[in-house]
Amino acid sequence: MAFASGYALTPRRKTAAEILLAPEVTQQMLDEFRDRIAGASNRILALRGRVARTSMAGRIETVCELLVRILATCERDPQDIRAARSLPFYVEKIEEYVRGYVDVYEAGEREPDVLKRLSGTEAMVVRATERFEEIHRAMIENDLRALEAKAGALSMEFGAEDPTSPAPKGAAS
C-alpha cells in the first residue's frame, strides 16, 4: 500500500514538449530543429564524396560547416531557433537538390553541357550559404543585444550613468 501511495504522489517526468528552454521554445522544438538539420547536413556531406573533384564539393563543405556553427549557437541559446524556424525545411530542400546534382553529375560527368547546366545548382548552394550566414549573424546579434542589456542593467545598479562607458580608472575589477 505504501508503494502505491508513494507512486501516486510522485510527479511524472515532463515530456520534451513540456520543458520550456526559452520563451516559445521547448526541448522538443530544439531537438527536432537539431535532428532535422544535422541529419540533412550529414546526408549532404555523404554525397560530397561522389563529386569530390568538383567545385561543388567545396561548396557543400562550406554550407555544412556553417550549419554546424548554427547548431552550436542554438544549443548555447535555444531561443535563437526563433530567428531560423524555417531553416530545417531549407536544409532538407538543399539536400534534395544536392542529391539531384550528384545523380545528374554522375550520369553526365563527361559531357560539358551537363556540367555547365549544373552550375545553377551550385549557385543556389552559394546563395543559400550566404543566407544562412545572415541568419547566423542575426543569432549572434540577438545574443549580443541581450548581453548588453543585462550588463547595462547591472551597471546601472552599480551607479554608472552611462552603462556603455568603461569603468573609471582605479575601479576594482
C-alpha atoms as a PDB file:
ATOM      1  CA  MET A   1       0.000   0.000   0.000  1.00  0.00           C
ATOM      2  CA  ALA A   2       2.838   2.421   0.822  1.00  0.00           C
ATOM      3  CA  PHE A   3       4.329   1.809  -2.614  1.00  0.00           C
ATOM      4  CA  ALA A   4       1.060   2.667  -4.325  1.00  0.00           C
ATOM      5  CA  SER A   5       0.590   5.885  -2.359  1.00  0.00           C
ATOM      6  CA  GLY A   6       4.236   6.883  -2.926  1.00  0.00           C
ATOM      7  CA  TYR A   7       3.852   6.241  -6.638  1.00  0.00           C
ATOM      8  CA  ALA A   8       0.678   8.294  -6.764  1.00  0.00           C
ATOM      9  CA  LEU A   9       2.375  11.241  -5.050  1.00  0.00           C
ATOM     10  CA  THR A  10       5.474  11.210  -7.274  1.00  0.00           C
ATOM     11  CA  PRO A  11       5.024  13.659 -10.131  1.00  0.00           C
ATOM     12  CA  ARG A  12       5.529  12.259 -13.604  1.00  0.00           C
ATOM     13  CA  ARG A  13       8.532  13.397 -15.605  1.00  0.00           C
ATOM     14  CA  LYS A  14       7.900  16.214 -18.035  1.00  0.00           C
ATOM     15  CA  THR A  15       7.984  15.381 -21.712  1.00  0.00           C
ATOM     16  CA  ALA A  16      10.285  17.213 -24.110  1.00  0.00           C
ATOM     17  CA  ALA A  17       7.233  19.132 -25.332  1.00  0.00           C
ATOM     18  CA  GLU A  18       6.631  20.415 -21.775  1.00  0.00           C
ATOM     19  CA  ILE A  19      10.190  21.507 -20.980  1.00  0.00           C
ATOM     20  CA  LEU A  20      10.459  25.217 -21.734  1.00  0.00           C
ATOM     21  CA  LEU A  21      14.041  26.244 -22.565  1.00  0.00           C
ATOM     22  CA  ALA A  22      13.322  29.837 -23.571  1.00  0.00           C
ATOM     23  CA  PRO A  23      10.230  31.882 -24.354  1.00  0.00           C
ATOM     24  CA  GLU A  24       8.296  29.986 -27.036  1.00  0.00           C
ATOM     25  CA  VAL A  25      10.997  27.258 -27.294  1.00  0.00           C
ATOM     26  CA  THR A  26      10.572  23.767 -25.862  1.00  0.00           C
ATOM     27  CA  GLN A  27      13.107  20.964 -25.623  1.00  0.00           C
ATOM     28  CA  GLN A  28      11.126  19.097 -28.268  1.00  0.00           C
ATOM     29  CA  MET A  29      11.372  22.049 -30.668  1.00  0.00           C
ATOM     30  CA  LEU A  30      15.142  22.273 -30.164  1.00  0.00           C
ATOM     31  CA  ASP A  31      15.553  18.502 -30.581  1.00  0.00           C
ATOM     32  CA  GLU A  32      13.545  18.460 -33.828  1.00  0.00           C
ATOM     33  CA  PHE A  33      15.380  21.538 -35.151  1.00  0.00           C
ATOM     34  CA  ARG A  34      18.768  19.983 -34.384  1.00  0.00           C
ATOM     35  CA  ASP A  35      17.885  16.500 -35.624  1.00  0.00           C
ATOM     36  CA  ARG A  36      16.452  17.669 -38.954  1.00  0.00           C
ATOM     37  CA  ILE A  37      19.358  19.997 -39.727  1.00  0.00           C
ATOM     38  CA  ALA A  38      22.085  17.620 -38.525  1.00  0.00           C
ATOM     39  CA  GLY A  39      20.516  14.688 -40.391  1.00  0.00           C
ATOM     40  CA  ALA A  40      20.215  16.558 -43.681  1.00  0.00           C
ATOM     41  CA  SER A  41      23.688  18.055 -43.275  1.00  0.00           C
ATOM     42  CA  ASN A  42      25.224  14.615 -42.664  1.00  0.00           C
ATOM     43  CA  ARG A  43      23.475  13.211 -45.733  1.00  0.00           C
ATOM     44  CA  ILE A  44      24.704  16.173 -47.812  1.00  0.00           C
ATOM     45  CA  LEU A  45      28.264  15.562 -46.614  1.00  0.00           C
ATOM     46  CA  ALA A  46      27.964  11.898 -47.566  1.00  0.00           C
ATOM     47  CA  LEU A  47      27.023  12.979 -51.116  1.00  0.00           C
ATOM     48  CA  ARG A  48      30.089  15.222 -51.313  1.00  0.00           C
ATOM     49  CA  GLY A  49      32.324  12.189 -51.787  1.00  0.00           C
ATOM     50  CA  ARG A  50      30.585  11.421 -55.073  1.00  0.00           C
ATOM     51  CA  VAL A  51      31.588  14.832 -56.507  1.00  0.00           C
ATOM     52  CA  ALA A  52      34.938  15.135 -54.741  1.00  0.00           C
ATOM     53  CA  ARG A  53      36.875  16.727 -57.602  1.00  0.00           C
ATOM     54  CA  THR A  54      34.370  19.481 -58.365  1.00  0.00           C
ATOM     55  CA  SER A  55      33.815  22.973 -57.064  1.00  0.00           C
ATOM     56  CA  MET A  56      30.510  21.713 -55.653  1.00  0.00           C
ATOM     57  CA  ALA A  57      32.414  19.615 -53.103  1.00  0.00           C
ATOM     58  CA  GLY A  58      33.883  22.767 -51.574  1.00  0.00           C
ATOM     59  CA  ARG A  59      30.516  24.493 -51.567  1.00  0.00           C
ATOM     60  CA  ILE A  60      28.977  21.501 -49.775  1.00  0.00           C
ATOM     61  CA  GLU A  61      31.769  21.562 -47.204  1.00  0.00           C
ATOM     62  CA  THR A  62      31.261  25.292 -46.579  1.00  0.00           C
ATOM     63  CA  VAL A  63      27.489  25.115 -46.082  1.00  0.00           C
ATOM     64  CA  CYS A  64      27.766  22.086 -43.795  1.00  0.00           C
ATOM     65  CA  GLU A  65      30.445  23.735 -41.622  1.00  0.00           C
ATOM     66  CA  LEU A  66      28.174  26.762 -41.287  1.00  0.00           C
ATOM     67  CA  LEU A  67      25.260  24.552 -40.260  1.00  0.00           C
ATOM     68  CA  VAL A  68      27.414  23.030 -37.504  1.00  0.00           C
ATOM     69  CA  ARG A  69      28.129  26.551 -36.196  1.00  0.00           C
ATOM     70  CA  ILE A  70      24.437  27.459 -36.330  1.00  0.00           C
ATOM     71  CA  LEU A  71      23.517  24.327 -34.378  1.00  0.00           C
ATOM     72  CA  ALA A  72      26.178  25.081 -31.763  1.00  0.00           C
ATOM     73  CA  THR A  73      24.790  28.611 -31.399  1.00  0.00           C
ATOM     74  CA  CYS A  74      21.282  27.231 -30.913  1.00  0.00           C
ATOM     75  CA  GLU A  75      22.489  24.713 -28.326  1.00  0.00           C
ATOM     76  CA  ARG A  76      24.036  27.568 -26.323  1.00  0.00           C
ATOM     77  CA  ASP A  77      20.946  29.757 -26.662  1.00  0.00           C
ATOM     78  CA  PRO A  78      17.835  27.793 -27.692  1.00  0.00           C
ATOM     79  CA  GLN A  79      15.776  30.923 -28.285  1.00  0.00           C
ATOM     80  CA  ASP A  80      17.945  31.519 -31.374  1.00  0.00           C
ATOM     81  CA  ILE A  81      15.869  28.941 -33.243  1.00  0.00           C
ATOM     82  CA  ARG A  82      13.118  31.561 -33.335  1.00  0.00           C
ATOM     83  CA  ALA A  83      15.278  33.501 -35.820  1.00  0.00           C
ATOM     84  CA  ALA A  84      15.546  30.427 -38.039  1.00  0.00           C
ATOM     85  CA  ARG A  85      12.300  28.485 -37.747  1.00  0.00           C
ATOM     86  CA  SER A  86      12.249  27.559 -41.443  1.00  0.00           C
ATOM     87  CA  LEU A  87      15.932  26.584 -41.607  1.00  0.00           C
ATOM     88  CA  PRO A  88      15.319  22.802 -41.311  1.00  0.00           C
ATOM     89  CA  PHE A  89      12.974  22.941 -44.315  1.00  0.00           C
ATOM     90  CA  TYR A  90      15.547  24.804 -46.422  1.00  0.00           C
ATOM     91  CA  VAL A  91      18.388  22.484 -45.426  1.00  0.00           C
ATOM     92  CA  GLU A  92      16.268  19.479 -46.400  1.00  0.00           C
ATOM     93  CA  LYS A  93      15.493  21.133 -49.754  1.00  0.00           C
ATOM     94  CA  ILE A  94      19.203  21.724 -50.326  1.00  0.00           C
ATOM     95  CA  GLU A  95      19.803  18.051 -49.572  1.00  0.00           C
ATOM     96  CA  GLU A  96      17.221  17.151 -52.221  1.00  0.00           C
ATOM     97  CA  TYR A  97      18.871  19.428 -54.802  1.00  0.00           C
ATOM     98  CA  VAL A  98      22.389  18.242 -53.984  1.00  0.00           C
ATOM     99  CA  ARG A  99      21.226  14.641 -54.369  1.00  0.00           C
ATOM    100  CA  GLY A 100      19.803  15.532 -57.799  1.00  0.00           C
ATOM    101  CA  TYR A 101      23.018  17.350 -58.706  1.00  0.00           C
ATOM    102  CA  VAL A 102      25.104  14.311 -57.773  1.00  0.00           C
ATOM    103  CA  ASP A 103      22.883  11.933 -59.740  1.00  0.00           C
ATOM    104  CA  VAL A 104      22.984  14.100 -62.878  1.00  0.00           C
ATOM    105  CA  TYR A 105      26.711  14.754 -62.441  1.00  0.00           C
ATOM    106  CA  GLU A 106      27.461  11.035 -62.322  1.00  0.00           C
ATOM    107  CA  ALA A 107      25.263  10.346 -65.341  1.00  0.00           C
ATOM    108  CA  GLY A 108      26.814  13.084 -67.492  1.00  0.00           C
ATOM    109  CA  GLU A 109      30.174  13.977 -65.995  1.00  0.00           C
ATOM    110  CA  ARG A 110      31.925  13.681 -69.355  1.00  0.00           C
ATOM    111  CA  GLU A 111      29.511  15.999 -71.145  1.00  0.00           C
ATOM    112  CA  PRO A 112      30.455  19.693 -70.958  1.00  0.00           C
ATOM    113  CA  ASP A 113      26.863  20.853 -71.472  1.00  0.00           C
ATOM    114  CA  VAL A 114      25.678  18.845 -68.461  1.00  0.00           C
ATOM    115  CA  LEU A 115      28.430  20.269 -66.269  1.00  0.00           C
ATOM    116  CA  LYS A 116      27.656  23.790 -67.440  1.00  0.00           C
ATOM    117  CA  ARG A 117      23.965  23.421 -66.639  1.00  0.00           C
ATOM    118  CA  LEU A 118      24.737  22.080 -63.172  1.00  0.00           C
ATOM    119  CA  SER A 119      26.270  25.452 -62.309  1.00  0.00           C
ATOM    120  CA  GLY A 120      22.801  26.786 -61.480  1.00  0.00           C
ATOM    121  CA  THR A 121      22.513  24.318 -58.612  1.00  0.00           C
ATOM    122  CA  GLU A 122      25.977  25.312 -57.407  1.00  0.00           C
ATOM    123  CA  ALA A 123      24.916  28.962 -57.471  1.00  0.00           C
ATOM    124  CA  MET A 124      21.857  28.072 -55.373  1.00  0.00           C
ATOM    125  CA  VAL A 125      24.094  26.456 -52.736  1.00  0.00           C
ATOM    126  CA  VAL A 126      26.246  29.599 -52.672  1.00  0.00           C
ATOM    127  CA  ARG A 127      23.163  31.815 -52.218  1.00  0.00           C
ATOM    128  CA  ALA A 128      21.819  29.523 -49.508  1.00  0.00           C
ATOM    129  CA  THR A 129      25.153  29.668 -47.692  1.00  0.00           C
ATOM    130  CA  GLU A 130      25.077  33.468 -47.826  1.00  0.00           C
ATOM    131  CA  ARG A 131      21.535  33.493 -46.436  1.00  0.00           C
ATOM    132  CA  PHE A 132      22.457  31.035 -43.674  1.00  0.00           C
ATOM    133  CA  GLU A 133      25.401  33.291 -42.762  1.00  0.00           C
ATOM    134  CA  GLU A 134      22.935  36.184 -42.400  1.00  0.00           C
ATOM    135  CA  ILE A 135      20.757  34.043 -40.128  1.00  0.00           C
ATOM    136  CA  HIS A 136      23.793  33.128 -38.016  1.00  0.00           C
ATOM    137  CA  ARG A 137      24.861  36.771 -37.744  1.00  0.00           C
ATOM    138  CA  ALA A 138      21.316  37.663 -36.633  1.00  0.00           C
ATOM    139  CA  MET A 139      21.505  34.988 -33.928  1.00  0.00           C
ATOM    140  CA  ILE A 140      24.812  36.371 -32.660  1.00  0.00           C
ATOM    141  CA  GLU A 141      23.462  39.931 -32.821  1.00  0.00           C
ATOM    142  CA  ASN A 142      20.441  38.924 -30.718  1.00  0.00           C
ATOM    143  CA  ASP A 143      22.769  37.326 -28.171  1.00  0.00           C
ATOM    144  CA  LEU A 144      24.919  40.479 -28.068  1.00  0.00           C
ATOM    145  CA  ARG A 145      21.894  42.711 -27.527  1.00  0.00           C
ATOM    146  CA  ALA A 146      20.666  40.532 -24.680  1.00  0.00           C
ATOM    147  CA  LEU A 147      24.100  40.553 -23.056  1.00  0.00           C
ATOM    148  CA  GLU A 148      24.443  44.320 -23.450  1.00  0.00           C
ATOM    149  CA  ALA A 149      21.018  44.827 -21.871  1.00  0.00           C
ATOM    150  CA  LYS A 150      21.915  42.631 -18.901  1.00  0.00           C
ATOM    151  CA  ALA A 151      25.302  44.319 -18.474  1.00  0.00           C
ATOM    152  CA  GLY A 152      23.695  47.741 -18.768  1.00  0.00           C
ATOM    153  CA  ALA A 153      21.129  46.918 -16.096  1.00  0.00           C
ATOM    154  CA  LEU A 154      23.815  45.718 -13.717  1.00  0.00           C
ATOM    155  CA  SER A 155      25.989  48.748 -14.456  1.00  0.00           C
ATOM    156  CA  MET A 156      23.059  50.975 -13.549  1.00  0.00           C
ATOM    157  CA  GLU A 157      22.784  49.092 -10.250  1.00  0.00           C
ATOM    158  CA  PHE A 158      26.421  49.936  -9.598  1.00  0.00           C
ATOM    159  CA  GLY A 159      25.741  53.603 -10.228  1.00  0.00           C
ATOM    160  CA  ALA A 160      27.023  54.078 -13.776  1.00  0.00           C
ATOM    161  CA  GLU A 161      25.219  56.889 -15.539  1.00  0.00           C
ATOM    162  CA  ASP A 162      26.223  55.578 -18.963  1.00  0.00           C
ATOM    163  CA  PRO A 163      26.284  51.760 -18.870  1.00  0.00           C
ATOM    164  CA  THR A 164      28.351  51.614 -22.074  1.00  0.00           C
ATOM    165  CA  SER A 165      31.212  53.687 -20.684  1.00  0.00           C
ATOM    166  CA  PRO A 166      34.267  51.871 -19.291  1.00  0.00           C
ATOM    167  CA  ALA A 167      34.843  51.632 -15.568  1.00  0.00           C
ATOM    168  CA  PRO A 168      36.744  54.586 -14.047  1.00  0.00           C
ATOM    169  CA  LYS A 169      40.490  54.151 -13.523  1.00  0.00           C
ATOM    170  CA  GLY A 170      41.329  52.607 -10.219  1.00  0.00           C
ATOM    171  CA  ALA A 171      37.953  50.852 -10.003  1.00  0.00           C
ATOM    172  CA  ALA A 172      38.063  47.295  -8.768  1.00  0.00           C
ATOM    173  CA  SER A 173      37.691  44.691 -11.457  1.00  0.00           C
END
